[in-house]
Amino acid sequence: MKFKAFLTENGVSLLEKRFLPALDKMGKICHLFLTRDHAIFLHNLLNGDGVQCIAQFRKEALFDDYRISSQNEDRIAFAIDISLLQRAVRSSVSICSEFGSGPSANCLQIKLVKKLPPNCTQPMPFLTFETKGYKSAVIQDVPISKPLSRAQVLELQTSLDMAQDLPQTLVQVPDLNQLQNFVDRMKHVGDVLNVSVSKHGDLHLQISTTLITLGAEFRKLMVIGEQADAPPEDKNLSAQTRAERAVLRGDAQSVQVSVKHFSKSLQCHLAKPDCAFYGIAPQGACLTVIFQFFIPGTHQTDKSISLHCRLPVLDPGS
């Protein structure tokens, strides 16, 4: 089982300034899944608790001279502490800068190694960062879990494949700040958020307690997938009534999610996406949030990067 590669300047920038800060908000520990073509960060895919978060990069988006080999179809997966990884990347960048070379100079190599730590009798696995300067090299070891077994990698791959299923209708939310501001106000009202997504391009959010109901509606959003025209007679109805009628007609789906989970998923704005899409999986299995990234200077999707979250739904009786 071998892996080594050089982090590119673009790769360092993506990880250090954008994705690692966002992923750190999702949870302290994640799985890093390396394949022949991709590096994938996965939160909560092997347990059903909490927000599932998947950040996938084509190897060219992060690395140069990418080499991987294993007896499991060249797939390697392990658990890693995001904050330790972030610290190692950050300090490696500063060391490169001090030596007068940038990450673009192939000075930052990352590889899997086994080492014997002090006071231990068994070698332990590490993800090692080797920063090469003009006359010396600085090595940083980030501890990782024992690499996943063949059966565990298969389970991870199966969960990943299932998590790629798209909702039939997705609506685009161009301004995540509006959502964030609304959820910040909601957090003090209650714990359960009703979310409905319609084929008309409406996203409806509502939180209710015995004393207060607070809601927000985003209308006429761009729709991807199944679409429908809103009936003219619904035009003058309240947002709540419109949402309920759309669900009854089969033009919308509605689920309940944790306010805490919804707020956590919005932390992905730290990865600086250009927009986000919201949708509800068939049979209301989960709420899916897909973050879109454009190629810099264009409105074309950057297909080398993907990031999405799946929020577990609550039992309506909870």
Protein backbone atom coordinates (compact mmCIF):
# COMPACT_ATOMS: atom_id res chain seq x y z
CA MET A 1 0.00 0.00 0.00
CA LYS A 2 1.73 3.16 -1.24
CA PHE A 3 0.75 6.77 -1.85
CA LYS A 4 2.80 9.87 -2.57
CA ALA A 5 2.23 13.09 -4.47
CA PHE A 6 3.25 16.74 -4.59
CA LEU A 7 0.67 19.32 -3.50
CA THR A 8 0.39 22.03 -6.16
CA GLU A 9 0.02 25.74 -5.45
CA ASN A 10 -3.64 25.51 -6.49
CA GLY A 11 -4.10 22.43 -4.30
CA VAL A 12 -2.61 24.18 -1.27
CA SER A 13 -4.84 27.21 -1.85
CA LEU A 14 -7.98 25.06 -2.20
CA LEU A 15 -7.26 23.06 0.94
CA GLU A 16 -5.73 25.66 3.26
CA LYS A 17 -7.93 28.67 2.50
CA ARG A 18 -11.24 27.05 1.56
CA PHE A 19 -12.04 23.38 1.99
CA LEU A 20 -10.24 22.39 5.20
CA PRO A 21 -11.80 25.29 7.18
CA ALA A 22 -15.25 24.24 5.85
CA LEU A 23 -14.68 20.54 6.52
CA ASP A 24 -13.42 21.29 10.03
CA LYS A 25 -16.87 22.78 10.81
CA MET A 26 -18.51 19.52 9.71
CA GLY A 27 -16.65 17.48 12.31
CA LYS A 28 -13.24 16.86 13.82
CA ILE A 29 -12.61 13.48 12.14
CA CYS A 30 -13.29 12.50 8.53
CA HIS A 31 -12.26 9.76 6.14
CA LEU A 32 -9.81 10.54 3.35
CA PHE A 33 -10.47 8.17 0.44
CA LEU A 34 -7.77 8.06 -2.25
CA THR A 35 -8.36 6.37 -5.62
CA ARG A 36 -6.50 6.35 -8.94
CA ASP A 37 -8.28 9.52 -10.06
CA HIS A 38 -9.73 11.25 -6.99
CA ALA A 39 -9.11 12.41 -3.43
CA ILE A 40 -12.36 12.43 -1.43
CA PHE A 41 -13.06 13.77 2.06
CA LEU A 42 -16.04 12.02 3.67
CA HIS A 43 -17.91 12.85 6.88
CA ASN A 44 -20.37 10.44 8.53
CA LEU A 45 -20.71 8.00 5.64
CA LEU A 46 -20.02 4.92 7.74
CA ASN A 47 -22.39 5.93 10.53
CA GLY A 48 -25.87 7.29 10.14
CA ASP A 49 -25.51 10.14 12.63
CA GLY A 50 -25.25 13.78 11.64
CA VAL A 51 -24.70 15.60 8.38
CA GLN A 52 -23.03 13.60 5.61
CA CYS A 53 -20.52 15.76 3.76
CA ILE A 54 -18.59 14.76 0.64
CA ALA A 55 -15.83 16.86 -0.93
CA GLN A 56 -14.36 15.28 -4.05
CA PHE A 57 -11.38 16.46 -6.08
CA ARG A 58 -9.89 15.14 -9.28
CA LYS A 59 -6.24 14.41 -8.55
CA GLU A 60 -5.13 17.17 -10.97
CA ALA A 61 -6.98 19.78 -8.88
CA LEU A 62 -4.67 19.17 -5.90
CA PHE A 63 -1.62 17.18 -6.93
CA ASP A 64 1.31 16.70 -9.29
CA ASP A 65 3.11 13.39 -9.80
CA TYR A 66 0.29 11.47 -8.05
CA ARG A 67 1.19 7.84 -7.35
CA ILE A 68 -0.99 5.29 -5.59
CA SER A 69 -0.94 1.51 -5.37
CA SER A 70 -2.74 -1.02 -3.19
CA GLN A 71 -4.07 -4.54 -3.48
CA ASN A 72 -7.59 -3.11 -3.27
CA GLU A 73 -7.82 -1.74 -6.85
CA ASP A 74 -5.46 1.11 -5.89
CA ARG A 75 -7.89 2.44 -3.29
CA ILE A 76 -6.75 3.59 0.17
CA ALA A 77 -8.93 5.05 2.91
CA PHE A 78 -8.23 6.12 6.48
CA ALA A 79 -9.59 8.44 9.19
CA ILE A 80 -7.78 11.70 9.85
CA ASP A 81 -8.13 14.70 12.16
CA ILE A 82 -9.00 17.69 9.95
CA SER A 83 -7.50 20.29 12.31
CA LEU A 84 -4.13 18.45 12.39
CA LEU A 85 -4.17 18.19 8.60
CA GLN A 86 -4.98 21.88 8.31
CA ARG A 87 -2.14 22.78 10.68
CA ALA A 88 0.35 20.68 8.69
CA VAL A 89 -0.67 22.25 5.36
CA ARG A 90 -0.51 25.76 6.81
CA SER A 91 2.90 25.36 8.40
CA SER A 92 4.29 23.65 5.29
CA VAL A 93 3.23 26.66 3.23
CA SER A 94 4.93 29.06 5.62
CA ILE A 95 8.11 26.95 5.53
CA CYS A 96 8.07 27.00 1.71
CA SER A 97 7.69 30.77 1.79
CA GLU A 98 10.54 31.18 4.27
CA PHE A 99 12.84 29.17 2.03
CA GLY A 100 11.95 31.47 -0.84
CA SER A 101 10.14 28.87 -2.92
CA GLY A 102 6.39 28.50 -3.36
CA PRO A 103 4.36 25.30 -3.36
CA SER A 104 4.49 25.55 -7.17
CA ALA A 105 8.16 24.59 -6.99
CA ASN A 106 7.22 21.02 -6.01
CA CYS A 107 8.62 21.59 -2.56
CA LEU A 108 5.67 20.05 -0.68
CA GLN A 109 5.45 16.27 -0.89
CA ILE A 110 2.77 14.25 0.87
CA LYS A 111 3.00 10.49 1.41
CA LEU A 112 1.81 7.58 3.52
CA VAL A 113 4.43 6.10 5.86
CA LYS A 114 4.71 3.77 8.85
CA LYS A 115 6.91 4.91 11.74
CA LEU A 116 7.74 3.77 15.24
CA PRO A 117 6.70 6.59 17.59
CA PRO A 118 8.58 7.13 20.89
CA ASN A 119 7.64 4.67 23.66
CA CYS A 120 5.77 2.40 21.23
CA THR A 121 6.51 -1.15 20.16
CA GLN A 122 4.30 -1.14 17.05
CA PRO A 123 4.82 1.06 13.98
CA MET A 124 1.96 3.52 13.37
CA PRO A 125 0.62 4.96 10.08
CA PHE A 126 1.12 8.65 9.30
CA LEU A 127 0.39 11.05 6.47
CA THR A 128 3.75 12.80 6.17
CA PHE A 129 4.38 16.27 4.78
CA GLU A 130 7.94 16.80 3.58
CA THR A 131 8.74 20.42 2.82
CA LYS A 132 11.94 20.74 0.81
CA GLY A 133 13.90 23.94 1.14
CA TYR A 134 17.13 25.17 -0.43
CA LYS A 135 19.46 23.20 1.85
CA SER A 136 17.19 21.25 4.16
CA ALA A 137 13.81 19.55 4.54
CA VAL A 138 11.17 19.79 7.29
CA ILE A 139 9.05 16.71 7.96
CA GLN A 140 5.66 16.78 9.68
CA ASP A 141 3.79 13.60 10.56
CA VAL A 142 -0.01 13.69 10.81
CA PRO A 143 -1.30 10.59 12.64
CA ILE A 144 -4.01 8.63 10.83
CA SER A 145 -6.07 5.55 11.60
CA LYS A 146 -5.07 2.12 10.44
CA PRO A 147 -6.05 2.04 6.74
CA LEU A 148 -9.51 0.59 6.17
CA SER A 149 -9.78 -3.10 5.29
CA ARG A 150 -11.00 -4.30 1.90
CA ALA A 151 -14.50 -4.87 3.35
CA GLN A 152 -14.57 -1.39 4.94
CA VAL A 153 -13.39 0.27 1.71
CA LEU A 154 -16.16 -1.55 -0.16
CA GLU A 155 -18.69 -0.31 2.41
CA LEU A 156 -17.33 3.23 2.04
CA GLN A 157 -17.51 3.01 -1.77
CA THR A 158 -21.10 1.68 -1.62
CA SER A 159 -22.14 4.51 0.74
CA LEU A 160 -20.43 7.01 -1.56
CA ASP A 161 -22.24 5.64 -4.63
CA MET A 162 -25.59 5.83 -2.82
CA ALA A 163 -24.87 9.39 -1.67
CA GLN A 164 -24.39 10.49 -5.31
CA ASP A 165 -28.09 9.99 -6.14
CA LEU A 166 -29.61 13.35 -7.06
CA PRO A 167 -33.08 14.57 -6.02
CA GLN A 168 -35.57 14.80 -8.90
CA THR A 169 -35.93 18.57 -8.38
CA LEU A 170 -33.19 21.01 -7.33
CA VAL A 171 -33.62 24.75 -6.78
CA GLN A 172 -30.72 27.18 -6.93
CA VAL A 173 -30.03 29.55 -4.02
CA PRO A 174 -27.57 32.17 -5.30
CA ASP A 175 -27.13 34.03 -1.98
CA LEU A 176 -26.19 31.81 0.96
CA ASN A 177 -25.78 34.86 3.21
CA GLN A 178 -29.55 35.42 3.19
CA LEU A 179 -30.08 31.84 4.30
CA GLN A 180 -27.40 32.13 6.96
CA ASN A 181 -28.94 35.32 8.39
CA PHE A 182 -32.38 33.70 8.54
CA VAL A 183 -31.10 30.53 10.22
CA ASP A 184 -29.13 32.60 12.75
CA ARG A 185 -32.44 34.18 13.82
CA MET A 186 -34.23 30.82 13.78
CA LYS A 187 -31.74 29.09 16.08
CA HIS A 188 -33.20 30.92 19.07
CA VAL A 189 -36.80 29.96 18.25
CA GLY A 190 -36.72 26.15 18.02
CA ASP A 191 -34.84 23.01 17.05
CA VAL A 192 -36.86 21.65 14.10
CA LEU A 193 -36.99 23.22 10.64
CA ASN A 194 -39.63 22.42 8.01
CA VAL A 195 -38.16 22.60 4.49
CA SER A 196 -40.18 22.30 1.29
CA VAL A 197 -38.83 22.39 -2.26
CA SER A 198 -41.26 22.83 -5.17
CA LYS A 199 -41.07 22.20 -8.90
CA HIS A 200 -42.11 25.85 -9.34
CA GLY A 201 -38.74 27.02 -8.01
CA ASP A 202 -39.80 27.79 -4.44
CA LEU A 203 -37.79 27.03 -1.30
CA HIS A 204 -39.86 27.39 1.86
CA LEU A 205 -38.41 27.28 5.39
CA GLN A 206 -40.49 27.37 8.54
CA ILE A 207 -39.96 26.85 12.25
CA SER A 208 -42.90 26.57 14.64
CA THR A 209 -43.41 26.44 18.37
CA THR A 210 -46.58 26.69 20.44
CA LEU A 211 -46.06 30.46 20.65
CA ILE A 212 -44.50 31.53 17.36
CA THR A 213 -44.14 30.57 13.71
CA LEU A 214 -41.22 32.01 11.74
CA GLY A 215 -40.79 31.39 8.03
CA ALA A 216 -38.94 32.47 4.90
CA GLU A 217 -39.71 31.85 1.27
CA PHE A 218 -37.37 32.10 -1.72
CA ARG A 219 -39.45 32.23 -4.93
CA LYS A 220 -38.89 31.80 -8.65
CA LEU A 221 -35.50 30.19 -8.20
CA MET A 222 -33.80 28.39 -11.06
CA VAL A 223 -34.95 24.74 -11.23
CA ILE A 224 -32.90 21.75 -12.38
CA GLY A 225 -34.76 18.49 -13.00
CA GLU A 226 -38.53 18.09 -12.78
CA GLN A 227 -40.41 21.40 -13.15
CA ALA A 228 -44.04 22.55 -13.06
CA ASP A 229 -45.92 25.82 -13.50
CA ALA A 230 -47.51 27.29 -10.39
CA PRO A 231 -51.34 27.53 -10.63
CA PRO A 232 -52.49 31.15 -11.11
CA GLU A 233 -55.01 30.80 -8.25
CA ASP A 234 -52.13 30.25 -5.76
CA LYS A 235 -50.64 33.65 -6.50
CA ASN A 236 -52.37 35.56 -3.69
CA LEU A 237 -52.19 32.86 -1.05
CA SER A 238 -49.83 32.92 1.93
CA ALA A 239 -46.42 31.27 1.58
CA GLN A 240 -47.40 28.53 4.04
CA THR A 241 -50.65 27.72 2.19
CA ARG A 242 -48.87 27.72 -1.19
CA ALA A 243 -46.28 25.28 0.11
CA GLU A 244 -48.94 22.97 1.61
CA ARG A 245 -51.03 22.96 -1.60
CA ALA A 246 -47.94 22.23 -3.72
CA VAL A 247 -47.14 19.20 -1.52
CA LEU A 248 -50.75 17.93 -1.82
CA ARG A 249 -50.62 18.28 -5.64
CA GLY A 250 -47.32 16.37 -5.79
CA ASP A 251 -45.50 19.49 -7.05
CA ALA A 252 -43.36 19.77 -3.91
CA GLN A 253 -41.79 17.70 -1.16
CA SER A 254 -41.47 18.66 2.48
CA VAL A 255 -39.25 17.32 5.26
CA GLN A 256 -38.23 18.23 8.78
CA VAL A 257 -34.55 18.61 9.65
CA SER A 258 -32.58 19.75 12.67
CA VAL A 259 -31.90 23.50 12.74
CA LYS A 260 -28.44 22.61 14.05
CA HIS A 261 -27.76 20.34 11.04
CA PHE A 262 -29.08 22.96 8.59
CA SER A 263 -26.87 25.62 10.14
CA LYS A 264 -23.85 23.31 10.07
CA SER A 265 -24.32 22.59 6.34
CA LEU A 266 -24.23 26.33 5.66
CA GLN A 267 -20.68 26.41 7.06
CA CYS A 268 -19.67 25.04 3.66
CA HIS A 269 -19.77 28.67 2.49
CA LEU A 270 -16.19 28.77 3.86
CA ALA A 271 -15.22 26.73 0.77
CA LYS A 272 -16.43 29.76 -1.28
CA PRO A 273 -18.95 28.08 -3.59
CA ASP A 274 -20.55 30.24 -6.28
CA CYS A 275 -24.06 29.00 -5.50
CA ALA A 276 -25.97 26.15 -3.87
CA PHE A 277 -28.82 23.84 -4.90
CA TYR A 278 -31.38 22.39 -2.50
CA GLY A 279 -33.44 19.28 -3.13
CA ILE A 280 -35.25 16.48 -1.30
CA ALA A 281 -34.41 12.86 -2.09
CA PRO A 282 -37.17 10.47 -3.26
CA GLN A 283 -39.51 9.39 -0.44
CA GLY A 284 -38.12 12.27 1.61
CA ALA A 285 -35.03 10.22 2.52
CA CYS A 286 -32.84 13.28 3.16
CA LEU A 287 -32.35 16.96 2.35
CA THR A 288 -29.54 17.37 -0.18
CA VAL A 289 -27.43 20.52 -0.60
CA ILE A 290 -25.12 20.67 -3.63
CA PHE A 291 -22.54 23.46 -3.79
CA GLN A 292 -21.47 24.61 -7.24
CA PHE A 293 -18.07 25.99 -8.16
CA PHE A 294 -17.28 27.90 -11.34
CA ILE A 295 -14.01 27.93 -13.24
CA PRO A 296 -12.48 31.29 -12.16
CA GLY A 297 -13.56 34.13 -14.44
CA THR A 298 -16.40 32.13 -16.05
CA HIS A 299 -19.89 30.79 -15.33
CA GLN A 300 -18.87 27.28 -16.32
CA THR A 301 -19.00 24.56 -13.67
CA ASP A 302 -15.60 23.40 -12.45
CA LYS A 303 -16.04 19.65 -12.79
CA SER A 304 -12.77 18.90 -11.00
CA ILE A 305 -14.33 19.89 -7.64
CA SER A 306 -17.59 18.81 -6.01
CA LEU A 307 -19.05 19.37 -2.55
CA HIS A 308 -22.40 18.30 -1.20
CA CYS A 309 -24.18 17.56 2.07
CA ARG A 310 -27.02 15.21 2.98
CA LEU A 311 -29.05 16.15 6.05
CA PRO A 312 -30.91 13.37 7.89
CA VAL A 313 -34.66 13.95 8.18
CA LEU A 314 -36.50 13.84 11.48
CA ASP A 315 -39.51 11.72 12.29
CA PRO A 316 -42.51 14.10 12.05
CA GLY A 317 -43.53 12.93 15.53
CA SER A 318 -40.23 14.00 17.12
